[in-house]
Amino acid sequence: MISFSFGKKEETFLVLDIGSEAIKGAVFEKKEKEIKVLSLALEYFDRYGVFEGRDFEHEVLEKALLKALNSLLSRSGKMRSGNIGRIVLTLSPEILKYGVETGFFKRGSVSKIITEKEEKEIKEKALKSIKVKISKSFFDNFGILREDLVFLNHEILNIEIDGYQVPGLKGYKGENLEFKVSAIFALKERLEKIVKTVKSLVKKKSRESEILHLTQGFSYFLNNIDNGIFLDFGGDTTQVYLLQKGKLENSEELKTGGRDVSKVFSEKLGLLEAEARVFKEKYANGELSHESDFKAREILKPCFDAWFKELQLCLEGFGKGKLLPSKFYFFGGSSVLPELKGIKDAVKQGMYFSSEPEISYLTPKDLFSLKPDFKLDFKEVNKTFENNPQFTPLFLIFYAATQKNN
């Protein structure tokens, strides 16, 4: 059980990270200045024994969710008694998206000072145009219509008037306005199906439920980190986030994830999906023989050569001739693969960093260290959990949920 200081009255949270390869879950209790982790669960999707028909994806999800929820609820007395406050979900990047776009607005009354009313009107128009821009990009790339998307959240990251950065619009005057906005949006139909499935399986009354993106937890934990590049190495993709001056400035999605590594092992070694995943985990943990480890590195070389090239293109887009942060923070289920340590040499080719690149792993324990005011107690926690970076998103979205009401 984890304990640390906080504030507010008692409340229970069921938090689920539904990825493309597995479901991670936790039950948190917030009481006064203490947070407790009542139970934890990790369930991989089992595609065997499920008929691959129209409802294949739903049946696989339901099967894993049932196992995860049974594990979570059986270990938590609060949840067994039906005392569930909130359901908090985050989903795989294939469903839940984060993007940063720039929008422009031209004023007619250049010499007039912007009033509070005009500021509101301009921001509404700018946000609307950015949503249209995001929707068009999504349609061009994936053929998905605007009405099939739902926008969940947005944040204005930067405002400029005639090339000068300003904290807001009110009280200023000028002609050309530029907005940089982050948006969180999702595939509407798939999102609704997952939410409906979760609520039907919990079978307990919840006061509310919400969908959050892990970036919404960044601002709470990472205000002690001014600059950095964060890589979430997930199941089907790698999410890359650029943090500068304490703010998320940009993001990009790489088309390689942990399941791609498992597939390579499966194809080259003749292993079943579950066997390939176990082999990948042993390789990542340094548990293979010298011969097997050497063979695994040879097998994965083409996969990671392609991944590094994709990452270089991503960072070039982030930098655009500017200095990039030198600190890389890894988290996600496959972030401990040894190949990723080669990032220090791979990214330096043609790149400009503020200093020699460094790598850190962002685990639940590391997140807590960013908040020294917390009174932590890890004595009763399984050490594989507190130091496991694949559980990091759970804590990020949990804190995003708690901060929304503060």
Protein backbone atom coordinates (compact mmCIF):
# COMPACT_ATOMS: atom_id res chain seq x y z
CA MET A 1 0.00 0.00 0.00
CA ILE A 2 1.30 3.45 -0.91
CA SER A 3 0.61 6.41 1.35
CA PHE A 4 1.46 10.09 0.91
CA SER A 5 0.14 13.49 1.95
CA PHE A 6 -2.57 15.36 0.08
CA GLY A 7 -5.74 17.20 1.01
CA LYS A 8 -9.55 16.96 0.88
CA LYS A 9 -12.19 14.48 2.07
CA GLU A 10 -12.29 10.74 1.44
CA GLU A 11 -12.97 9.62 -2.12
CA THR A 12 -12.41 6.39 -4.03
CA PHE A 13 -11.18 6.19 -7.62
CA LEU A 14 -11.19 3.27 -10.03
CA VAL A 15 -8.49 4.13 -12.59
CA LEU A 16 -8.05 2.10 -15.79
CA ASP A 17 -5.40 2.46 -18.48
CA ILE A 18 -6.85 0.55 -21.45
CA GLY A 19 -4.04 0.17 -23.98
CA SER A 20 -3.64 -1.75 -27.21
CA GLU A 21 -1.81 -4.66 -25.57
CA ALA A 22 -2.99 -4.72 -21.96
CA ILE A 23 -5.15 -3.15 -19.26
CA LYS A 24 -3.55 -1.64 -16.18
CA GLY A 25 -5.78 -0.75 -13.27
CA ALA A 26 -5.67 0.67 -9.75
CA VAL A 27 -8.04 1.58 -6.95
CA PHE A 28 -7.03 4.75 -5.11
CA GLU A 29 -8.46 6.17 -1.91
CA LYS A 30 -7.95 9.86 -1.14
CA LYS A 31 -8.60 10.76 2.49
CA GLU A 32 -7.53 14.01 4.15
CA LYS A 33 -3.77 14.29 3.46
CA GLU A 34 -3.27 10.68 2.53
CA ILE A 35 -3.53 8.71 -0.71
CA LYS A 36 -3.67 4.93 -0.62
CA VAL A 37 -3.36 2.45 -3.46
CA LEU A 38 -5.84 -0.23 -2.41
CA SER A 39 -5.25 -2.62 -5.31
CA LEU A 40 -3.45 -2.98 -8.63
CA ALA A 41 -3.95 -5.17 -11.70
CA LEU A 42 -2.32 -5.92 -15.05
CA GLU A 43 -4.11 -8.03 -17.68
CA TYR A 44 -2.90 -8.65 -21.22
CA PHE A 45 -5.41 -9.08 -24.01
CA ASP A 46 -5.93 -12.75 -24.82
CA ARG A 47 -7.03 -13.11 -28.42
CA TYR A 48 -7.15 -16.89 -28.29
CA GLY A 49 -10.44 -18.62 -27.65
CA VAL A 50 -12.39 -15.66 -29.07
CA PHE A 51 -14.09 -16.03 -32.45
CA GLU A 52 -12.69 -13.40 -34.83
CA GLY A 53 -15.95 -11.98 -36.06
CA ARG A 54 -17.70 -8.63 -35.99
CA ASP A 55 -17.49 -8.24 -32.21
CA PHE A 56 -13.95 -9.64 -31.90
CA GLU A 57 -12.40 -6.46 -30.45
CA HIS A 58 -15.26 -5.98 -27.99
CA GLU A 59 -15.09 -9.59 -26.76
CA VAL A 60 -11.30 -9.42 -26.26
CA LEU A 61 -11.67 -6.16 -24.33
CA GLU A 62 -14.53 -7.49 -22.19
CA LYS A 63 -12.59 -10.65 -21.35
CA ALA A 64 -9.53 -8.69 -20.15
CA LEU A 65 -11.64 -6.09 -18.34
CA LEU A 66 -13.49 -8.77 -16.40
CA LYS A 67 -10.22 -10.28 -15.20
CA ALA A 68 -8.76 -6.88 -14.29
CA LEU A 69 -11.88 -5.70 -12.45
CA ASN A 70 -12.28 -8.98 -10.56
CA SER A 71 -8.67 -8.69 -9.44
CA LEU A 72 -9.03 -5.04 -8.42
CA LEU A 73 -12.36 -5.35 -6.64
CA SER A 74 -11.54 -8.60 -4.82
CA ARG A 75 -8.53 -6.94 -3.19
CA SER A 76 -10.32 -3.75 -2.23
CA GLY A 77 -12.86 -3.90 0.60
CA LYS A 78 -14.15 -0.45 -0.26
CA MET A 79 -14.96 -1.50 -3.80
CA ARG A 80 -16.58 -4.77 -2.75
CA SER A 81 -18.99 -2.81 -0.60
CA GLY A 82 -20.00 -0.70 -3.58
CA ASN A 83 -18.33 2.47 -2.33
CA ILE A 84 -16.97 3.71 -5.68
CA GLY A 85 -16.65 7.43 -6.18
CA ARG A 86 -15.31 7.94 -9.68
CA ILE A 87 -14.26 5.92 -12.70
CA VAL A 88 -11.29 7.43 -14.52
CA LEU A 89 -10.19 6.06 -17.89
CA THR A 90 -7.37 6.64 -20.31
CA LEU A 91 -7.20 4.84 -23.65
CA SER A 92 -4.67 3.81 -26.26
CA PRO A 93 -3.39 6.50 -28.69
CA GLU A 94 -5.29 4.73 -31.47
CA ILE A 95 -8.52 5.95 -29.82
CA LEU A 96 -7.59 8.87 -27.55
CA LYS A 97 -5.52 11.51 -29.33
CA TYR A 98 -3.42 14.49 -28.27
CA GLY A 99 -2.33 17.12 -30.78
CA VAL A 100 -0.90 20.62 -30.97
CA GLU A 101 -2.00 22.99 -33.74
CA THR A 102 -1.48 26.66 -34.57
CA GLY A 103 -4.32 28.99 -35.58
CA PHE A 104 -4.34 32.54 -36.90
CA PHE A 105 -6.80 35.41 -36.55
CA LYS A 106 -6.76 38.85 -38.21
CA ARG A 107 -8.41 41.79 -36.43
CA GLY A 108 -10.18 44.57 -38.27
CA SER A 109 -9.91 47.27 -35.58
CA VAL A 110 -6.12 47.34 -35.26
CA SER A 111 -5.86 50.46 -33.08
CA LYS A 112 -8.58 49.48 -30.61
CA ILE A 113 -7.64 47.85 -27.31
CA ILE A 114 -9.02 44.33 -26.96
CA THR A 115 -11.83 44.12 -24.42
CA GLU A 116 -12.79 41.10 -22.33
CA LYS A 117 -15.78 40.47 -24.61
CA GLU A 118 -13.67 40.62 -27.78
CA GLU A 119 -11.05 38.34 -26.22
CA LYS A 120 -13.71 35.71 -25.57
CA GLU A 121 -15.08 35.99 -29.10
CA ILE A 122 -11.63 35.76 -30.71
CA LYS A 123 -10.65 32.71 -28.66
CA GLU A 124 -13.90 30.94 -29.55
CA LYS A 125 -13.33 31.59 -33.26
CA ALA A 126 -9.67 30.56 -33.06
CA LEU A 127 -10.54 27.33 -31.23
CA LYS A 128 -13.24 26.52 -33.78
CA SER A 129 -10.81 27.00 -36.67
CA ILE A 130 -8.20 24.81 -34.97
CA LYS A 131 -10.75 22.02 -34.46
CA VAL A 132 -11.59 22.24 -38.17
CA LYS A 133 -7.87 22.07 -38.98
CA ILE A 134 -7.38 18.99 -36.79
CA SER A 135 -10.46 17.31 -38.25
CA LYS A 136 -9.29 17.97 -41.82
CA SER A 137 -5.84 16.57 -41.06
CA PHE A 138 -7.41 13.49 -39.52
CA PHE A 139 -9.65 12.98 -42.54
CA ASP A 140 -6.74 13.43 -44.98
CA ASN A 141 -4.59 10.89 -43.10
CA PHE A 142 -7.15 8.32 -41.97
CA GLY A 143 -10.39 9.03 -43.85
CA ILE A 144 -12.28 9.68 -40.60
CA LEU A 145 -15.06 12.29 -40.74
CA ARG A 146 -15.42 15.25 -38.34
CA GLU A 147 -18.69 13.88 -36.93
CA ASP A 148 -16.86 10.68 -35.95
CA LEU A 149 -14.57 12.63 -33.59
CA VAL A 150 -15.35 14.07 -30.18
CA PHE A 151 -13.22 16.85 -28.64
CA LEU A 152 -12.76 16.40 -24.90
CA ASN A 153 -10.38 19.15 -23.83
CA HIS A 154 -8.18 21.97 -25.08
CA GLU A 155 -5.58 24.35 -23.68
CA ILE A 156 -4.09 27.52 -25.15
CA LEU A 157 -0.31 27.08 -24.93
CA ASN A 158 0.84 30.34 -26.46
CA ILE A 159 -0.56 33.63 -27.80
CA GLU A 160 1.25 36.14 -30.00
CA ILE A 161 0.12 39.56 -31.25
CA ASP A 162 2.04 40.84 -34.28
CA GLY A 163 4.91 38.49 -33.42
CA TYR A 164 5.12 39.33 -29.70
CA GLN A 165 4.21 36.79 -27.03
CA VAL A 166 1.50 37.95 -24.61
CA PRO A 167 -0.14 36.32 -21.56
CA GLY A 168 -3.65 37.10 -22.85
CA LEU A 169 -5.49 39.35 -25.28
CA LYS A 170 -7.34 41.74 -22.99
CA GLY A 171 -5.70 45.18 -22.79
CA TYR A 172 -3.56 44.74 -25.89
CA LYS A 173 -4.02 45.94 -29.46
CA GLY A 174 -2.73 44.71 -32.77
CA GLU A 175 -3.72 43.04 -36.03
CA ASN A 176 -2.25 39.56 -36.48
CA LEU A 177 -2.98 37.05 -33.72
CA GLU A 178 -1.43 33.61 -33.46
CA PHE A 179 -2.60 30.83 -31.13
CA LYS A 180 -0.89 27.54 -30.29
CA VAL A 181 -3.47 25.15 -28.85
CA SER A 182 -3.33 21.58 -27.57
CA ALA A 183 -6.42 19.43 -28.08
CA ILE A 184 -7.52 16.07 -26.72
CA PHE A 185 -10.00 14.22 -28.91
CA ALA A 186 -11.18 10.68 -29.54
CA LEU A 187 -12.85 8.34 -31.99
CA LYS A 188 -16.43 8.80 -30.84
CA GLU A 189 -17.94 5.36 -31.49
CA ARG A 190 -15.06 3.35 -30.03
CA LEU A 191 -14.88 5.64 -27.00
CA GLU A 192 -18.60 5.24 -26.27
CA LYS A 193 -18.41 1.44 -26.58
CA ILE A 194 -15.52 1.20 -24.11
CA VAL A 195 -17.18 3.50 -21.56
CA LYS A 196 -20.42 1.52 -21.83
CA THR A 197 -18.55 -1.78 -21.39
CA VAL A 198 -16.65 -0.58 -18.32
CA LYS A 199 -19.78 0.74 -16.61
CA SER A 200 -21.72 -2.45 -17.33
CA LEU A 201 -18.95 -4.63 -15.88
CA VAL A 202 -18.38 -2.56 -12.73
CA LYS A 203 -22.08 -3.06 -11.83
CA LYS A 204 -21.87 -0.49 -9.07
CA LYS A 205 -23.18 3.04 -8.94
CA SER A 206 -20.49 5.62 -9.64
CA ARG A 207 -20.99 9.30 -8.99
CA GLU A 208 -19.19 10.17 -12.21
CA SER A 209 -16.79 8.87 -14.83
CA GLU A 210 -14.34 10.70 -17.05
CA ILE A 211 -11.86 10.23 -19.87
CA LEU A 212 -8.44 11.80 -19.36
CA HIS A 213 -5.22 11.91 -21.32
CA LEU A 214 -1.95 11.32 -19.48
CA THR A 215 -0.68 14.76 -20.60
CA GLN A 216 -3.29 16.30 -18.31
CA GLY A 217 -1.28 14.95 -15.38
CA PHE A 218 2.00 16.37 -16.64
CA SER A 219 1.39 19.88 -15.35
CA TYR A 220 0.88 18.58 -11.80
CA PHE A 221 3.99 16.41 -11.58
CA LEU A 222 6.33 18.05 -14.02
CA ASN A 223 6.29 21.66 -12.87
CA ASN A 224 9.71 20.90 -11.36
CA ILE A 225 11.05 19.96 -14.81
CA ASP A 226 11.58 22.93 -17.12
CA ASN A 227 12.66 21.11 -20.27
CA GLY A 228 12.65 17.54 -21.51
CA ILE A 229 11.61 15.07 -24.18
CA PHE A 230 9.18 12.38 -22.95
CA LEU A 231 8.72 9.06 -24.74
CA ASP A 232 5.78 6.80 -23.91
CA PHE A 233 6.72 3.46 -25.50
CA GLY A 234 3.31 1.80 -25.71
CA GLY A 235 1.81 -1.25 -27.37
CA ASP A 236 1.32 -0.13 -30.98
CA THR A 237 2.96 3.30 -31.02
CA THR A 238 5.48 5.55 -29.29
CA GLN A 239 4.23 8.96 -28.16
CA VAL A 240 6.84 11.73 -28.07
CA TYR A 241 6.22 14.94 -26.10
CA LEU A 242 8.36 18.08 -26.03
CA LEU A 243 8.36 20.03 -22.76
CA GLN A 244 9.93 23.51 -22.77
CA LYS A 245 9.82 26.12 -20.04
CA GLY A 246 7.49 23.88 -18.06
CA LYS A 247 4.90 23.62 -20.87
CA LEU A 248 4.07 20.95 -23.42
CA GLU A 249 5.07 22.53 -26.72
CA ASN A 250 4.65 19.70 -29.21
CA SER A 251 3.87 16.03 -29.69
CA GLU A 252 4.35 13.35 -32.32
CA GLU A 253 3.40 9.70 -32.79
CA LEU A 254 5.89 7.07 -33.98
CA LYS A 255 4.46 3.98 -35.64
CA THR A 256 6.41 1.42 -33.60
CA GLY A 257 5.54 0.01 -30.18
CA GLY A 258 6.08 -2.96 -27.92
CA ARG A 259 3.77 -5.26 -29.88
CA ASP A 260 5.93 -4.76 -32.97
CA VAL A 261 8.89 -6.12 -30.99
CA SER A 262 6.80 -9.10 -29.86
CA LYS A 263 5.67 -9.73 -33.46
CA VAL A 264 9.29 -9.79 -34.69
CA PHE A 265 10.20 -12.35 -32.03
CA SER A 266 7.06 -14.35 -32.86
CA GLU A 267 7.85 -14.43 -36.59
CA LYS A 268 11.59 -15.08 -36.32
CA LEU A 269 11.49 -17.57 -33.46
CA GLY A 270 8.17 -19.30 -34.19
CA LEU A 271 6.59 -18.25 -30.88
CA LEU A 272 2.94 -17.68 -30.03
CA GLU A 273 1.94 -14.10 -29.15
CA ALA A 274 1.99 -14.68 -25.38
CA GLU A 275 5.29 -16.59 -25.61
CA ALA A 276 6.87 -13.79 -27.65
CA ARG A 277 5.76 -11.24 -25.06
CA VAL A 278 7.34 -13.27 -22.23
CA PHE A 279 10.54 -13.64 -24.30
CA LYS A 280 10.57 -9.84 -24.85
CA GLU A 281 10.17 -9.21 -21.11
CA LYS A 282 13.01 -11.59 -20.24
CA TYR A 283 15.19 -9.91 -22.86
CA ALA A 284 14.37 -6.45 -21.47
CA ASN A 285 15.16 -7.61 -17.93
CA GLY A 286 18.49 -9.20 -18.93
CA GLU A 287 17.31 -12.72 -18.04
CA LEU A 288 18.34 -14.48 -21.30
CA SER A 289 21.50 -16.47 -21.85
CA HIS A 290 24.39 -14.75 -23.62
CA GLU A 291 23.63 -16.61 -26.86
CA SER A 292 19.90 -15.86 -26.77
CA ASP A 293 20.54 -12.23 -25.90
CA PHE A 294 22.91 -11.84 -28.87
CA LYS A 295 20.38 -13.45 -31.21
CA ALA A 296 17.59 -11.20 -29.93
CA ARG A 297 19.67 -8.08 -30.59
CA GLU A 298 20.36 -9.23 -34.15
CA ILE A 299 16.67 -9.92 -34.75
CA LEU A 300 15.58 -6.50 -33.47
CA LYS A 301 18.24 -4.40 -35.21
CA PRO A 302 16.19 -3.63 -38.39
CA CYS A 303 13.14 -2.76 -36.27
CA PHE A 304 15.01 -0.27 -34.11
CA ASP A 305 17.05 1.17 -36.97
CA ALA A 306 13.71 2.20 -38.51
CA TRP A 307 12.46 3.48 -35.13
CA PHE A 308 15.53 5.70 -34.62
CA LYS A 309 15.17 7.17 -38.11
CA GLU A 310 11.54 7.98 -37.38
CA LEU A 311 12.53 9.56 -34.06
CA GLN A 312 15.19 11.68 -35.76
CA LEU A 313 12.61 13.07 -38.18
CA CYS A 314 10.31 13.81 -35.24
CA LEU A 315 13.03 15.69 -33.33
CA GLU A 316 14.04 17.62 -36.43
CA GLY A 317 10.45 18.81 -36.63
CA PHE A 318 10.54 19.79 -32.95
CA GLY A 319 13.85 21.63 -33.24
CA LYS A 320 13.67 23.46 -36.58
CA GLY A 321 17.17 24.82 -36.04
CA LYS A 322 16.68 25.48 -32.31
CA LEU A 323 18.38 23.79 -29.36
CA LEU A 324 16.47 20.78 -28.05
CA PRO A 325 16.31 19.71 -24.38
CA SER A 326 19.02 17.19 -23.61
CA LYS A 327 17.05 15.13 -21.07
CA PHE A 328 15.00 12.16 -22.28
CA TYR A 329 12.39 10.60 -19.98
CA PHE A 330 11.15 7.09 -20.83
CA PHE A 331 8.01 5.38 -19.60
CA GLY A 332 5.55 2.80 -20.90
CA GLY A 333 5.52 -0.99 -21.01
CA SER A 334 8.48 -1.49 -23.36
CA SER A 335 10.57 1.50 -22.39
CA VAL A 336 13.17 -0.71 -20.65
CA LEU A 337 14.22 -2.49 -23.85
CA PRO A 338 18.04 -2.18 -24.06
CA GLU A 339 18.00 -0.79 -27.62
CA LEU A 340 16.47 2.45 -26.38
CA LYS A 341 19.64 3.25 -24.46
CA GLY A 342 21.27 3.80 -27.84
CA ILE A 343 19.19 6.92 -28.26
CA LYS A 344 22.07 9.06 -26.97
CA ASP A 345 24.24 8.27 -30.00
CA ALA A 346 21.44 7.96 -32.57
CA VAL A 347 19.81 11.34 -31.99
CA LYS A 348 23.03 13.34 -31.97
CA GLN A 349 23.48 12.93 -35.71
CA GLY A 350 22.52 16.28 -37.21
CA MET A 351 20.78 17.39 -33.97
CA TYR A 352 21.55 20.24 -31.62
CA PHE A 353 21.03 19.73 -27.90
CA SER A 354 21.56 22.07 -24.97
CA SER A 355 24.09 19.56 -23.56
CA GLU A 356 25.03 15.89 -23.81
CA PRO A 357 21.80 13.80 -24.05
CA GLU A 358 20.78 11.98 -20.85
CA ILE A 359 18.24 9.21 -20.24
CA SER A 360 15.98 8.79 -17.21
CA TYR A 361 13.10 6.37 -16.58
CA LEU A 362 9.90 7.93 -15.28
CA THR A 363 8.42 5.42 -12.82
CA PRO A 364 5.68 5.90 -10.18
CA LYS A 365 8.44 6.27 -7.58
CA ASP A 366 10.17 8.92 -9.70
CA LEU A 367 6.91 10.86 -10.00
CA PHE A 368 6.62 10.99 -6.22
CA SER A 369 10.21 12.27 -5.92
CA LEU A 370 9.14 15.32 -7.94
CA LYS A 371 6.81 16.20 -5.05
CA PRO A 372 9.09 16.26 -1.97
CA ASP A 373 6.24 17.52 0.22
CA PHE A 374 4.60 14.07 0.02
CA LYS A 375 5.04 11.71 2.96
CA LEU A 376 5.59 8.40 1.19
CA ASP A 377 5.47 4.85 2.46
CA PHE A 378 6.42 2.11 0.00
CA LYS A 379 7.05 -0.63 2.58
CA GLU A 380 3.99 -2.72 1.68
CA VAL A 381 4.15 -2.18 -2.08
CA ASN A 382 5.45 -4.74 -4.52
CA LYS A 383 8.78 -3.31 -5.64
CA THR A 384 8.12 -4.35 -9.24
CA PHE A 385 5.22 -1.90 -9.26
CA GLU A 386 6.79 1.23 -7.83
CA ASN A 387 9.77 0.92 -10.19
CA ASN A 388 7.80 -0.20 -13.24
CA PRO A 389 7.44 2.57 -15.88
CA GLN A 390 4.42 0.91 -17.50
CA PHE A 391 2.31 1.99 -14.50
CA THR A 392 3.33 5.66 -14.80
CA PRO A 393 0.29 6.70 -16.92
CA LEU A 394 -2.05 5.39 -14.19
CA PHE A 395 -0.64 7.90 -11.71
CA LEU A 396 -0.57 10.72 -14.24
CA ILE A 397 -4.28 10.42 -15.01
CA PHE A 398 -5.18 9.84 -11.35
CA TYR A 399 -3.59 13.15 -10.40
CA ALA A 400 -5.18 14.85 -13.39
CA ALA A 401 -8.55 13.69 -12.01
CA THR A 402 -7.84 14.95 -8.49
CA GLN A 403 -6.61 18.33 -9.71
CA LYS A 404 -9.69 18.99 -11.84
CA ASN A 405 -11.76 19.60 -8.72
CA ASN A 406 -9.13 21.52 -6.77
